Structures are given as structure tokens and as C-alpha cells.
């Protein structure tokens, strides 16, 4: 009698293991689909952000070029003032480095 109950328990355990394997396989498949979907969504969102940034940059580029040209022309027209400003900035930067390096 004990032999039959052990066989029945063994069969029940094998059935449970088989059911768990099927469930794990189904969960793995579901997670794979969700991961692929999330990847596609993220890739699509990133492409939208990139397109938006590229569009804004394309609109701002002529303005940046114009201002850079004006700055270049101003530097050429006023070399003494440019040297004074750059020197003052270097002194301020050195002072800030010395001040914050002591802390």
C-alpha cells in the first residue's frame, strides 16, 4: 500500500514539475515580447527626441554662426581690449582655483 502512495506522489510531483516548466516557458515568452515591445517604444521615443534636437539645432545654427562672426570681427577690431578681457578672466579663474582648493 505504501508503494502505491509513493508512486502516486512521484507522478503528482512529475505533473507539477511539467506544469511549472510550461508556466516558466509561457512567462519567458511573455517577458520576451514585452522586452521587445519596450525596446521598440524606447527606440521610437529616442528617434523622436533626436529629430527634435536636430531640428532645433538646425534652426539655431545660422544665429550661432552670425554671432560667432560678429565676435570674431570684434576681436579683430579690438585686440588690446580682447587681451585685457582674456587676462582678467585668467586671473579670476586662477583666483577661484586657489580659493576653492584650500577647502
C-alpha atoms as a PDB file:
ATOM      1  CA  UNK A   1       0.000   0.000   0.000  1.00  0.00           C
ATOM      2  CA  UNK A   2       2.817   2.394   0.818  1.00  0.00           C
ATOM      3  CA  UNK A   3       4.378   1.552  -2.538  1.00  0.00           C
ATOM      4  CA  UNK A   4       1.304   2.788  -4.444  1.00  0.00           C
ATOM      5  CA  UNK A   5       1.196   6.067  -2.493  1.00  0.00           C
ATOM      6  CA  UNK A   6       4.877   6.702  -3.282  1.00  0.00           C
ATOM      7  CA  UNK A   7       4.267   6.052  -6.982  1.00  0.00           C
ATOM      8  CA  UNK A   8       1.222   8.332  -6.925  1.00  0.00           C
ATOM      9  CA  UNK A   9       3.230  11.050  -5.137  1.00  0.00           C
ATOM     10  CA  UNK A  10       6.027  10.662  -7.688  1.00  0.00           C
ATOM     11  CA  UNK A  11       3.568  11.007 -10.581  1.00  0.00           C
ATOM     12  CA  UNK A  12       1.936  14.038  -8.949  1.00  0.00           C
ATOM     13  CA  UNK A  13       5.349  15.625  -8.467  1.00  0.00           C
ATOM     14  CA  UNK A  14       6.288  14.978 -12.098  1.00  0.00           C
ATOM     15  CA  UNK A  15       3.000  16.516 -13.226  1.00  0.00           C
ATOM     16  CA  UNK A  16       3.631  19.579 -11.073  1.00  0.00           C
ATOM     17  CA  UNK A  17       7.178  19.941 -12.447  1.00  0.00           C
ATOM     18  CA  UNK A  18       5.868  19.651 -16.011  1.00  0.00           C
ATOM     19  CA  UNK A  19       3.182  22.252 -15.284  1.00  0.00           C
ATOM     20  CA  UNK A  20       5.784  24.577 -13.753  1.00  0.00           C
ATOM     21  CA  UNK A  21       8.040  24.157 -16.796  1.00  0.00           C
ATOM     22  CA  UNK A  22       5.152  25.114 -19.085  1.00  0.00           C
ATOM     23  CA  UNK A  23       4.370  28.124 -16.912  1.00  0.00           C
ATOM     24  CA  UNK A  24       8.010  29.248 -16.881  1.00  0.00           C
ATOM     25  CA  UNK A  25       8.167  28.877 -20.663  1.00  0.00           C
ATOM     26  CA  UNK A  26       4.993  30.950 -21.047  1.00  0.00           C
ATOM     27  CA  UNK A  27       6.337  33.634 -18.691  1.00  0.00           C
ATOM     28  CA  UNK A  28       9.652  33.710 -20.543  1.00  0.00           C
ATOM     29  CA  UNK A  29       7.849  34.154 -23.849  1.00  0.00           C
ATOM     30  CA  UNK A  30       5.666  36.913 -22.387  1.00  0.00           C
ATOM     31  CA  UNK A  31       8.674  38.746 -20.938  1.00  0.00           C
ATOM     32  CA  UNK A  32      10.479  38.447 -24.241  1.00  0.00           C
ATOM     33  CA  UNK A  33       7.547  40.033 -26.073  1.00  0.00           C
ATOM     34  CA  UNK A  34       7.281  42.810 -23.502  1.00  0.00           C
ATOM     35  CA  UNK A  35      11.021  43.452 -23.648  1.00  0.00           C
ATOM     36  CA  UNK A  36      10.955  43.674 -27.431  1.00  0.00           C
ATOM     37  CA  UNK A  37       7.958  46.000 -27.274  1.00  0.00           C
ATOM     38  CA  UNK A  38       9.646  48.213 -24.677  1.00  0.00           C
ATOM     39  CA  UNK A  39      12.804  48.307 -26.818  1.00  0.00           C
ATOM     40  CA  UNK A  40      10.814  49.364 -29.901  1.00  0.00           C
ATOM     41  CA  UNK A  41       8.967  52.037 -27.918  1.00  0.00           C
ATOM     42  CA  UNK A  42      12.184  53.377 -26.417  1.00  0.00           C
ATOM     43  CA  UNK A  43      13.929  53.380 -29.782  1.00  0.00           C
ATOM     44  CA  UNK A  44      10.981  55.243 -31.320  1.00  0.00           C
ATOM     45  CA  UNK A  45      10.964  57.811 -28.491  1.00  0.00           C
ATOM     46  CA  UNK A  46      14.726  58.304 -28.802  1.00  0.00           C
ATOM     47  CA  UNK A  47      14.375  58.851 -32.540  1.00  0.00           C
ATOM     48  CA  UNK A  48      11.707  61.482 -31.888  1.00  0.00           C
ATOM     49  CA  UNK A  49      13.911  63.276 -29.349  1.00  0.00           C
ATOM     50  CA  UNK A  50      16.880  63.157 -31.728  1.00  0.00           C
ATOM     51  CA  UNK A  51      14.774  64.569 -34.574  1.00  0.00           C
ATOM     52  CA  UNK A  52      13.517  67.359 -32.310  1.00  0.00           C
ATOM     53  CA  UNK A  53      17.040  68.267 -31.172  1.00  0.00           C
ATOM     54  CA  UNK A  54      18.366  68.148 -34.730  1.00  0.00           C
ATOM     55  CA  UNK A  55      15.533  70.389 -35.896  1.00  0.00           C
ATOM     56  CA  UNK A  56      16.162  72.934 -33.134  1.00  0.00           C
ATOM     57  CA  UNK A  57      19.894  72.853 -33.754  1.00  0.00           C
ATOM     58  CA  UNK A  58      19.349  73.398 -37.474  1.00  0.00           C
ATOM     59  CA  UNK A  59      17.246  76.479 -36.725  1.00  0.00           C
ATOM     60  CA  UNK A  60      19.753  77.857 -34.202  1.00  0.00           C
ATOM     61  CA  UNK A  61      22.872  77.230 -36.290  1.00  0.00           C
ATOM     62  CA  UNK A  62      22.594  80.333 -38.527  1.00  0.00           C
ATOM     63  CA  UNK A  63      22.159  82.565 -35.474  1.00  0.00           C
ATOM     64  CA  UNK A  64      25.163  80.977 -33.755  1.00  0.00           C
ATOM     65  CA  UNK A  65      27.274  81.413 -36.883  1.00  0.00           C
ATOM     66  CA  UNK A  66      26.248  85.063 -37.194  1.00  0.00           C
ATOM     67  CA  UNK A  67      27.098  85.787 -33.561  1.00  0.00           C
ATOM     68  CA  UNK A  68      30.417  83.934 -33.817  1.00  0.00           C
ATOM     69  CA  UNK A  69      31.290  86.011 -36.882  1.00  0.00           C
ATOM     70  CA  UNK A  70      30.424  89.213 -35.002  1.00  0.00           C
ATOM     71  CA  UNK A  71      32.579  88.114 -32.063  1.00  0.00           C
ATOM     72  CA  UNK A  72      35.462  87.284 -34.393  1.00  0.00           C
ATOM     73  CA  UNK A  73      35.160  90.672 -36.066  1.00  0.00           C
ATOM     74  CA  UNK A  74      35.056  92.429 -32.684  1.00  0.00           C
ATOM     75  CA  UNK A  75      38.196  90.599 -31.573  1.00  0.00           C
ATOM     76  CA  UNK A  76      39.997  91.625 -34.771  1.00  0.00           C
ATOM     77  CA  UNK A  77      38.884  95.248 -34.374  1.00  0.00           C
ATOM     78  CA  UNK A  78      39.873  95.500 -30.679  1.00  0.00           C
ATOM     79  CA  UNK A  79      42.944  93.319 -29.954  1.00  0.00           C
ATOM     80  CA  UNK A  80      44.010  95.326 -26.870  1.00  0.00           C
ATOM     81  CA  UNK A  81      40.633  95.072 -25.182  1.00  0.00           C
ATOM     82  CA  UNK A  82      40.428  91.389 -26.072  1.00  0.00           C
ATOM     83  CA  UNK A  83      43.802  90.730 -24.421  1.00  0.00           C
ATOM     84  CA  UNK A  84      42.688  92.646 -21.317  1.00  0.00           C
ATOM     85  CA  UNK A  85      39.444  90.695 -21.050  1.00  0.00           C
ATOM     86  CA  UNK A  86      41.191  87.328 -21.551  1.00  0.00           C
ATOM     87  CA  UNK A  87      43.833  88.299 -18.971  1.00  0.00           C
ATOM     88  CA  UNK A  88      41.183  89.336 -16.447  1.00  0.00           C
ATOM     89  CA  UNK A  89      39.343  86.062 -16.975  1.00  0.00           C
ATOM     90  CA  UNK A  90      42.585  84.105 -16.439  1.00  0.00           C
ATOM     91  CA  UNK A  91      43.277  85.970 -13.178  1.00  0.00           C
ATOM     92  CA  UNK A  92      39.712  85.331 -11.968  1.00  0.00           C
ATOM     93  CA  UNK A  93      39.945  81.655 -12.857  1.00  0.00           C
ATOM     94  CA  UNK A  94      43.295  81.294 -11.067  1.00  0.00           C
ATOM     95  CA  UNK A  95      41.871  83.065  -8.008  1.00  0.00           C
ATOM     96  CA  UNK A  96      38.830  80.778  -7.956  1.00  0.00           C
ATOM     97  CA  UNK A  97      41.029  77.691  -8.240  1.00  0.00           C
ATOM     98  CA  UNK A  98      43.219  78.874  -5.369  1.00  0.00           C
ATOM     99  CA  UNK A  99      40.234  79.832  -3.232  1.00  0.00           C
ATOM    100  CA  UNK A 100      38.380  76.537  -3.684  1.00  0.00           C
ATOM    101  CA  UNK A 101      41.477  74.314  -3.500  1.00  0.00           C
ATOM    102  CA  UNK A 102      42.094  75.369   0.121  1.00  0.00           C
ATOM    103  CA  UNK A 103      38.790  73.927   1.310  1.00  0.00           C
END
